[in-house]
């Protein structure tokens, strides 16, 4: 089963998960271009809007921690879209260099949901431990879609055998490799039993397409119109930080069934970067008109001097205005009214102002919570419904 086949179904998965606005970043090698073209092919069909322009979607495959700084403007373009879901079609360690740069540019946990190409990438393979904190602080959660592995009795047997022989947990693609080798073997056997020439690639190709067996990844059969596996379900893997070891691990969030009556079968909640299981908005700071996120706000001396100067000017103007009002109006001795007089415009303004201020103060307070707390302590409080 090719990765291209999985990517061609990813747009449908994003739609099923509720994501409509996303950003892409892929490498300019064969792997990145193939994955990108497969994934973007169905994006429009499923109403997936790609927010970053085409000239801000590709980076060289040989990036390192030094020259990735040359692509800060490109990454800033992605950040400025405010998209929360970022599809990174990059191979390690370039994948992690890009995430490090996003960390250096101010993104933190909860700002992004990152879709990567494989389950192994979630667990930070081929990565320098020294910079691991940047990825953990930025890329949780990471998400990947993969074929099912170690399924059924055959899968359990293969897993046990590989672990016992090599004393280690095998990579997930070991399972699909096992099935691929077995498929070629039984196709050769079928060709020989049918009396055909097993050196003829056409005969082998035809034999492969008629095979169907229980393999390490489930029921194995080949689509007659392509070189892809016919798969009924894919695993949705999500990354999180293990509380005991502090390392990045992946867990199976659910199954994606593109050809079934139910698209998603959820096994465990999707835990987002802020610890919530509620899907956030497609865009960050959607209700915040300020272009700067809170994490970028810093206290600095010039700003503090400026705000204190502004406050001092307002206080000085208020003091001068108060002194002027006191001298010209409040300090005047009130004359006793001994006869009927017509009200002046100044009196109307004063009375209107007093009335407006009364209702303003009434609307401001008092704070209900402290009053309720005080009244509930009174002996007769239980006789009334104070809320």
Protein backbone atom coordinates (compact mmCIF):
# COMPACT_ATOMS: atom_id res chain seq x y z
CA UNK A 1 0.00 0.00 0.00
CA UNK A 2 1.55 3.30 -1.06
CA UNK A 3 1.66 6.39 1.13
CA UNK A 4 0.25 8.29 -1.84
CA UNK A 5 -2.93 6.24 -1.53
CA UNK A 6 -3.28 7.20 2.16
CA UNK A 7 -2.66 10.88 1.39
CA UNK A 8 -5.35 10.85 -1.30
CA UNK A 9 -7.86 9.97 1.43
CA UNK A 10 -6.55 12.46 4.01
CA UNK A 11 -8.77 15.33 2.83
CA UNK A 12 -11.80 13.17 3.55
CA UNK A 13 -10.42 12.44 7.03
CA UNK A 14 -9.89 16.15 7.74
CA UNK A 15 -13.46 16.85 6.69
CA UNK A 16 -14.72 14.04 8.95
CA UNK A 17 -12.73 15.49 11.88
CA UNK A 18 -14.21 18.94 11.26
CA UNK A 19 -11.17 20.77 9.83
CA UNK A 20 -11.90 23.13 6.94
CA UNK A 21 -9.02 25.64 6.95
CA UNK A 22 -5.46 24.30 6.86
CA UNK A 23 -1.88 25.10 5.84
CA UNK A 24 0.66 22.96 3.97
CA UNK A 25 4.43 22.67 4.06
CA UNK A 26 6.21 20.03 1.99
CA UNK A 27 9.76 19.28 0.83
CA UNK A 28 10.90 19.60 -2.77
CA UNK A 29 12.05 15.97 -3.05
CA UNK A 30 10.12 13.13 -4.70
CA UNK A 31 8.53 12.02 -1.42
CA UNK A 32 7.26 15.48 -0.51
CA UNK A 33 5.97 16.33 -3.98
CA UNK A 34 4.18 13.00 -4.33
CA UNK A 35 2.52 13.31 -0.92
CA UNK A 36 1.50 16.91 -1.58
CA UNK A 37 -0.02 16.24 -5.02
CA UNK A 38 -1.98 13.27 -3.66
CA UNK A 39 -3.29 15.16 -0.66
CA UNK A 40 -4.16 18.38 -2.44
CA UNK A 41 -5.92 16.52 -5.23
CA UNK A 42 -9.10 15.99 -3.20
CA UNK A 43 -8.92 19.12 -1.03
CA UNK A 44 -11.28 21.13 -3.22
CA UNK A 45 -13.69 18.19 -3.54
CA UNK A 46 -14.12 18.06 0.24
CA UNK A 47 -14.22 21.87 0.70
CA UNK A 48 -10.84 22.05 2.42
CA UNK A 49 -9.48 25.60 2.16
CA UNK A 50 -5.69 25.94 1.98
CA UNK A 51 -4.78 29.30 3.49
CA UNK A 52 -1.12 29.69 2.53
CA UNK A 53 -0.33 30.45 -1.11
CA UNK A 54 1.53 28.00 -3.35
CA UNK A 55 4.81 29.92 -3.14
CA UNK A 56 4.79 29.52 0.66
CA UNK A 57 4.24 25.75 0.75
CA UNK A 58 7.59 24.22 -0.25
CA UNK A 59 11.05 24.11 1.36
CA UNK A 60 14.28 22.31 0.35
CA UNK A 61 14.68 18.73 1.54
CA UNK A 62 18.20 19.45 2.85
CA UNK A 63 17.24 22.03 5.47
CA UNK A 64 19.25 22.21 8.68
CA UNK A 65 19.15 24.35 11.81
CA UNK A 66 21.25 27.04 10.12
CA UNK A 67 19.70 27.56 6.70
CA UNK A 68 16.12 27.15 7.90
CA UNK A 69 16.48 30.70 9.23
CA UNK A 70 16.41 31.78 5.58
CA UNK A 71 12.81 30.55 5.42
CA UNK A 72 11.54 32.46 8.45
CA UNK A 73 9.46 34.72 6.20
CA UNK A 74 7.78 31.68 4.65
CA UNK A 75 6.99 30.26 8.09
CA UNK A 76 5.78 33.68 9.23
CA UNK A 77 3.34 33.66 6.30
CA UNK A 78 1.95 30.37 7.61
CA UNK A 79 1.71 31.76 11.14
CA UNK A 80 -0.07 34.89 9.90
CA UNK A 81 -2.86 32.80 8.36
CA UNK A 82 -3.85 31.87 11.95
CA UNK A 83 -4.52 28.29 10.74
CA UNK A 84 -4.45 25.78 13.58
CA UNK A 85 -4.05 22.61 11.47
CA UNK A 86 -0.66 22.41 9.77
CA UNK A 87 0.17 19.53 7.40
CA UNK A 88 3.95 18.93 7.44
CA UNK A 89 4.97 16.62 4.59
CA UNK A 90 8.62 16.63 5.68
CA UNK A 91 10.93 13.78 6.63
CA UNK A 92 12.98 13.73 9.87
CA UNK A 93 15.04 15.55 10.90
CA UNK A 94 13.85 18.42 8.65
CA UNK A 95 10.38 17.97 10.14
CA UNK A 96 11.70 18.75 13.61
CA UNK A 97 13.85 21.67 12.42
CA UNK A 98 10.70 23.30 11.03
CA UNK A 99 8.87 22.79 14.33
CA UNK A 100 11.85 24.21 16.25
CA UNK A 101 11.72 27.34 14.10
CA UNK A 102 7.98 27.69 14.75
CA UNK A 103 8.78 27.50 18.46
CA UNK A 104 11.45 30.22 18.11
CA UNK A 105 8.88 32.38 16.30
CA UNK A 106 6.48 32.25 19.25
CA UNK A 107 4.11 29.32 18.75
CA UNK A 108 3.38 27.14 21.76
CA UNK A 109 1.34 24.14 22.84
CA UNK A 110 -2.28 24.48 21.78
CA UNK A 111 -1.54 26.81 18.87
CA UNK A 112 -1.18 24.01 16.32
CA UNK A 113 -2.42 20.55 15.45
CA UNK A 114 0.24 19.02 13.20
CA UNK A 115 -0.42 16.22 10.71
CA UNK A 116 2.73 14.23 9.85
CA UNK A 117 3.41 11.35 7.49
CA UNK A 118 3.85 8.39 9.84
CA UNK A 119 3.35 7.15 13.35
CA UNK A 120 7.12 6.89 13.91
CA UNK A 121 7.56 10.63 13.37
CA UNK A 122 5.25 11.29 16.31
CA UNK A 123 7.71 9.54 18.63
CA UNK A 124 10.58 11.85 17.53
CA UNK A 125 12.75 9.36 15.63
CA UNK A 126 16.13 10.60 14.31
CA UNK A 127 16.06 13.60 16.60
CA UNK A 128 18.50 15.41 18.85
CA UNK A 129 17.46 15.12 22.50
CA UNK A 130 18.95 18.56 23.25
CA UNK A 131 16.18 20.36 21.33
CA UNK A 132 13.36 17.97 22.18
CA UNK A 133 11.66 20.43 24.51
CA UNK A 134 10.89 22.75 21.59
CA UNK A 135 8.97 20.07 19.71
CA UNK A 136 7.13 18.93 22.84
CA UNK A 137 6.12 22.49 23.61
CA UNK A 138 4.94 23.23 20.06
CA UNK A 139 3.82 20.05 18.32
CA UNK A 140 1.51 18.40 20.85
CA UNK A 141 -0.64 16.96 19.51
CA UNK A 142 0.86 15.49 16.36
CA UNK A 143 -1.39 13.27 14.28
CA UNK A 144 -0.74 10.61 11.64
CA UNK A 145 -2.81 8.22 9.55
CA UNK A 146 -1.39 4.75 9.00
CA UNK A 147 -2.44 1.32 7.86
CA UNK A 148 -3.47 -1.09 10.57
CA UNK A 149 -0.65 -3.22 11.97
CA UNK A 150 -0.29 -6.53 13.82
CA UNK A 151 -3.91 -7.52 13.18
CA UNK A 152 -5.38 -10.90 14.10
CA UNK A 153 -3.55 -14.16 14.77
CA UNK A 154 -1.09 -13.66 11.92
CA UNK A 155 -0.21 -10.19 13.17
CA UNK A 156 0.22 -11.37 16.75
CA UNK A 157 2.43 -14.26 15.62
CA UNK A 158 4.60 -12.02 13.42
CA UNK A 159 4.98 -9.42 16.17
CA UNK A 160 6.00 -12.04 18.75
CA UNK A 161 8.50 -13.64 16.38
CA UNK A 162 10.13 -10.34 15.39
CA UNK A 163 10.42 -9.14 19.00
CA UNK A 164 11.91 -12.45 20.16
CA UNK A 165 14.45 -12.57 17.32
CA UNK A 166 15.57 -8.94 17.28
CA UNK A 167 14.97 -7.96 20.93
CA UNK A 168 13.13 -4.76 20.14
CA UNK A 169 9.81 -3.27 19.15
CA UNK A 170 9.60 -3.26 15.33
CA UNK A 171 8.65 -0.25 13.25
CA UNK A 172 5.07 -0.14 12.03
CA UNK A 173 6.12 -0.48 8.37
CA UNK A 174 7.69 -3.84 9.26
CA UNK A 175 4.18 -5.23 9.28
CA UNK A 176 3.33 -4.02 5.77
CA UNK A 177 6.75 -5.19 4.56
CA UNK A 178 6.00 -8.65 5.93
CA UNK A 179 2.72 -8.76 3.97
CA UNK A 180 4.36 -7.44 0.80
CA UNK A 181 7.00 -10.18 0.88
CA UNK A 182 4.38 -12.82 1.61
CA UNK A 183 2.19 -11.53 -1.25
CA UNK A 184 5.05 -11.86 -3.73
CA UNK A 185 5.77 -15.36 -2.44
CA UNK A 186 2.23 -16.69 -2.88
CA UNK A 187 1.95 -14.92 -6.25
CA UNK A 188 5.07 -16.79 -7.44
CA UNK A 189 3.65 -20.04 -6.08
CA UNK A 190 0.33 -19.38 -7.84
CA UNK A 191 2.11 -18.64 -11.15
CA UNK A 192 4.13 -21.86 -10.97
CA UNK A 193 1.08 -23.97 -10.04
CA UNK A 194 -0.83 -22.51 -13.00
CA UNK A 195 2.00 -23.49 -15.33
CA UNK A 196 2.93 -19.93 -16.27
CA UNK A 197 6.40 -18.46 -16.64
CA UNK A 198 7.34 -16.91 -13.27
CA UNK A 199 9.96 -14.77 -15.04
CA UNK A 200 7.23 -12.99 -16.98
CA UNK A 201 6.42 -9.70 -15.13
CA UNK A 202 2.95 -9.60 -16.71
CA UNK A 203 2.10 -13.02 -15.25
CA UNK A 204 3.43 -12.06 -11.81
CA UNK A 205 1.53 -8.77 -11.92
CA UNK A 206 -1.69 -10.59 -12.81
CA UNK A 207 -1.12 -13.21 -10.10
CA UNK A 208 -0.62 -10.54 -7.44
CA UNK A 209 -4.00 -8.98 -8.25
CA UNK A 210 -5.97 -12.19 -7.71
CA UNK A 211 -4.49 -13.01 -4.30
CA UNK A 212 -6.37 -12.53 -1.07
CA UNK A 213 -5.14 -13.72 2.33
CA UNK A 214 -5.06 -12.91 6.04
CA UNK A 215 -1.83 -11.05 6.64
CA UNK A 216 -0.10 -9.08 9.33
CA UNK A 217 -2.12 -5.96 8.50
CA UNK A 218 -5.47 -7.70 8.06
CA UNK A 219 -7.04 -9.04 4.88
CA UNK A 220 -4.61 -8.37 2.03
CA UNK A 221 -5.81 -7.83 -1.53
CA UNK A 222 -4.76 -5.52 -4.36
CA UNK A 223 -6.89 -3.04 -6.23
CA UNK A 224 -7.12 -4.30 -9.82
CA UNK A 225 -6.88 -0.77 -11.22
CA UNK A 226 -3.82 0.34 -9.26
CA UNK A 227 -0.90 -0.88 -7.17
CA UNK A 228 -2.64 -0.04 -3.90
CA UNK A 229 -3.98 -2.24 -1.16
CA UNK A 230 -7.73 -2.48 -0.69
CA UNK A 231 -8.06 -1.29 2.91
CA UNK A 232 -11.25 -1.07 4.90
CA UNK A 233 -9.77 0.95 7.77
CA UNK A 234 -6.78 3.09 8.78
CA UNK A 235 -5.52 3.88 12.27
CA UNK A 236 -5.59 7.50 13.46
CA UNK A 237 -2.58 7.92 15.73
CA UNK A 238 -2.18 10.93 18.04
CA UNK A 239 0.88 11.99 20.01
CA UNK A 240 1.06 12.94 23.66
CA UNK A 241 3.70 13.26 26.37
CA UNK A 242 3.98 10.27 28.69
CA UNK A 243 3.53 11.41 32.29
CA UNK A 244 6.04 8.89 33.66
CA UNK A 245 8.91 9.05 31.17
CA UNK A 246 8.30 12.51 29.72
CA UNK A 247 8.85 11.16 26.21
CA UNK A 248 6.58 11.53 23.20
CA UNK A 249 4.36 8.50 22.63
CA UNK A 250 1.46 7.79 20.29
CA UNK A 251 -1.91 6.27 20.99
CA UNK A 252 -4.71 5.06 18.74
CA UNK A 253 -7.44 7.68 18.75
CA UNK A 254 -9.68 5.75 16.38
CA UNK A 255 -10.15 4.20 12.97
CA UNK A 256 -10.83 5.93 9.68
CA UNK A 257 -13.05 3.92 7.34
CA UNK A 258 -13.28 5.81 4.02
CA UNK A 259 -15.39 3.16 2.32
CA UNK A 260 -17.59 2.21 5.26
CA UNK A 261 -20.99 3.45 6.35
CA UNK A 262 -19.32 5.05 9.40
CA UNK A 263 -16.30 7.20 8.56
CA UNK A 264 -14.87 7.40 12.08
CA UNK A 265 -14.79 4.86 14.88
CA UNK A 266 -13.47 6.62 17.98
CA UNK A 267 -11.49 4.54 20.49
CA UNK A 268 -10.09 7.31 22.70
CA UNK A 269 -10.59 11.08 22.98
CA UNK A 270 -8.43 13.43 20.92
CA UNK A 271 -6.44 15.34 23.56
CA UNK A 272 -5.44 18.79 22.29
CA UNK A 273 -2.46 20.86 23.37
CA UNK A 274 -4.36 22.67 26.12
CA UNK A 275 -5.46 19.35 27.64
CA UNK A 276 -9.01 19.73 26.37
CA UNK A 277 -10.90 17.13 24.35
CA UNK A 278 -13.05 19.80 22.66
CA UNK A 279 -11.99 20.58 19.08
CA UNK A 280 -10.75 24.19 18.88
CA UNK A 281 -11.59 26.60 16.07
CA UNK A 282 -9.88 26.21 12.71
CA UNK A 283 -8.24 29.60 13.27
CA UNK A 284 -6.29 30.85 16.27
CA UNK A 285 -7.34 34.14 17.92
CA UNK A 286 -10.56 34.06 15.90
CA UNK A 287 -12.32 36.48 18.23
CA UNK A 288 -9.25 38.56 18.99
CA UNK A 289 -8.71 41.54 16.68
CA UNK A 290 -5.26 42.17 18.13
CA UNK A 291 -2.63 40.84 15.69
CA UNK A 292 -0.32 39.81 18.55
CA UNK A 293 -1.01 36.72 20.69
CA UNK A 294 -0.78 37.13 24.46
CA UNK A 295 2.44 35.12 24.65
CA UNK A 296 4.27 37.85 22.72
CA UNK A 297 3.33 40.59 25.18
CA UNK A 298 6.39 41.72 27.15
CA UNK A 299 7.02 44.46 29.73
CA UNK A 300 9.80 46.84 28.71
CA UNK A 301 11.14 50.10 30.18
CA UNK A 302 10.17 52.46 27.34
CA UNK A 303 6.62 51.16 27.28
CA UNK A 304 6.30 51.51 31.04
CA UNK A 305 7.58 55.11 30.91
CA UNK A 306 5.12 55.90 28.12
CA UNK A 307 2.07 54.49 29.92
CA UNK A 308 3.03 56.23 33.18
CA UNK A 309 3.47 59.53 31.31
CA UNK A 310 0.04 59.19 29.71
CA UNK A 311 -1.57 58.37 33.07
CA UNK A 312 0.21 61.32 34.69
CA UNK A 313 -1.08 63.70 31.98
CA UNK A 314 -4.66 62.47 32.46
CA UNK A 315 -4.30 62.83 36.25
CA UNK A 316 -2.89 66.38 35.88
CA UNK A 317 -5.70 67.46 33.53
CA UNK A 318 -8.28 65.96 35.91
CA UNK A 319 -6.73 67.79 38.88
CA UNK A 320 -6.69 71.16 37.04
CA UNK A 321 -10.29 70.69 35.85
CA UNK A 322 -11.42 69.76 39.38
CA UNK A 323 -9.67 72.80 40.88
CA UNK A 324 -11.23 75.07 38.25
CA UNK A 325 -14.73 73.68 38.89
CA UNK A 326 -14.29 74.00 42.66
CA UNK A 327 -13.10 77.60 42.43
CA UNK A 328 -15.80 78.80 40.04
CA UNK A 329 -18.84 76.78 41.15
CA UNK A 330 -18.43 74.61 44.21
CA UNK A 331 -16.80 77.40 46.29
CA UNK A 332 -19.63 79.88 45.63
CA UNK A 333 -21.89 80.51 48.62
CA UNK A 334 -25.39 79.26 47.87
CA UNK A 335 -27.95 82.06 48.15
CA UNK A 336 -31.23 81.30 49.79
CA UNK A 337 -34.10 81.40 47.32
CA UNK A 338 -36.73 83.80 48.74
CA UNK A 339 -38.95 84.21 45.75
CA UNK A 340 -40.08 82.32 42.70
CA UNK A 341 -37.50 82.33 39.87
CA UNK A 342 -37.23 80.76 36.43
CA UNK A 343 -34.80 77.83 36.29
CA UNK A 344 -31.64 78.60 34.34
CA UNK A 345 -29.95 76.50 31.68
CA UNK A 346 -27.05 75.90 34.04
CA UNK A 347 -29.42 74.48 36.68
CA UNK A 348 -30.95 72.14 34.08
CA UNK A 349 -27.52 70.86 33.09
CA UNK A 350 -26.51 70.27 36.73
CA UNK A 351 -29.73 68.40 37.59
CA UNK A 352 -29.51 66.29 34.43
CA UNK A 353 -25.89 65.43 35.18
CA UNK A 354 -26.75 64.38 38.74
CA UNK A 355 -29.54 62.13 37.45
CA UNK A 356 -27.34 60.49 34.82
CA UNK A 357 -24.52 59.89 37.29
CA UNK A 358 -26.96 58.36 39.77
CA UNK A 359 -28.06 55.72 37.27
CA UNK A 360 -24.47 55.15 36.15
CA UNK A 361 -23.37 54.38 39.70
CA UNK A 362 -26.44 52.22 40.23
CA UNK A 363 -25.61 50.18 37.11
CA UNK A 364 -21.97 49.71 38.13
CA UNK A 365 -22.49 47.86 41.34
CA UNK A 366 -22.47 46.60 43.95
CA UNK A 367 -20.90 43.18 43.30
CA UNK A 368 -23.63 40.60 43.89
CA UNK A 369 -21.35 37.72 44.92
CA UNK A 370 -19.86 39.39 48.07
CA UNK A 371 -23.30 40.68 49.10
CA UNK A 372 -24.80 37.20 48.79
CA UNK A 373 -21.90 35.76 50.76
CA UNK A 374 -22.49 38.33 53.53
CA UNK A 375 -26.28 37.90 53.62
CA UNK A 376 -26.02 34.11 53.76
CA UNK A 377 -24.21 34.46 57.08
CA UNK A 378 -27.18 36.29 58.64
CA UNK A 379 -29.55 34.25 60.87
CA UNK A 380 -32.61 34.90 58.69
CA UNK A 381 -30.80 34.16 55.37
CA UNK A 382 -32.34 30.71 54.99
CA UNK A 383 -35.81 32.30 54.86
CA UNK A 384 -35.14 34.01 51.52
CA UNK A 385 -33.95 33.04 48.08
CA UNK A 386 -31.02 35.41 47.72
CA UNK A 387 -30.05 34.50 44.13
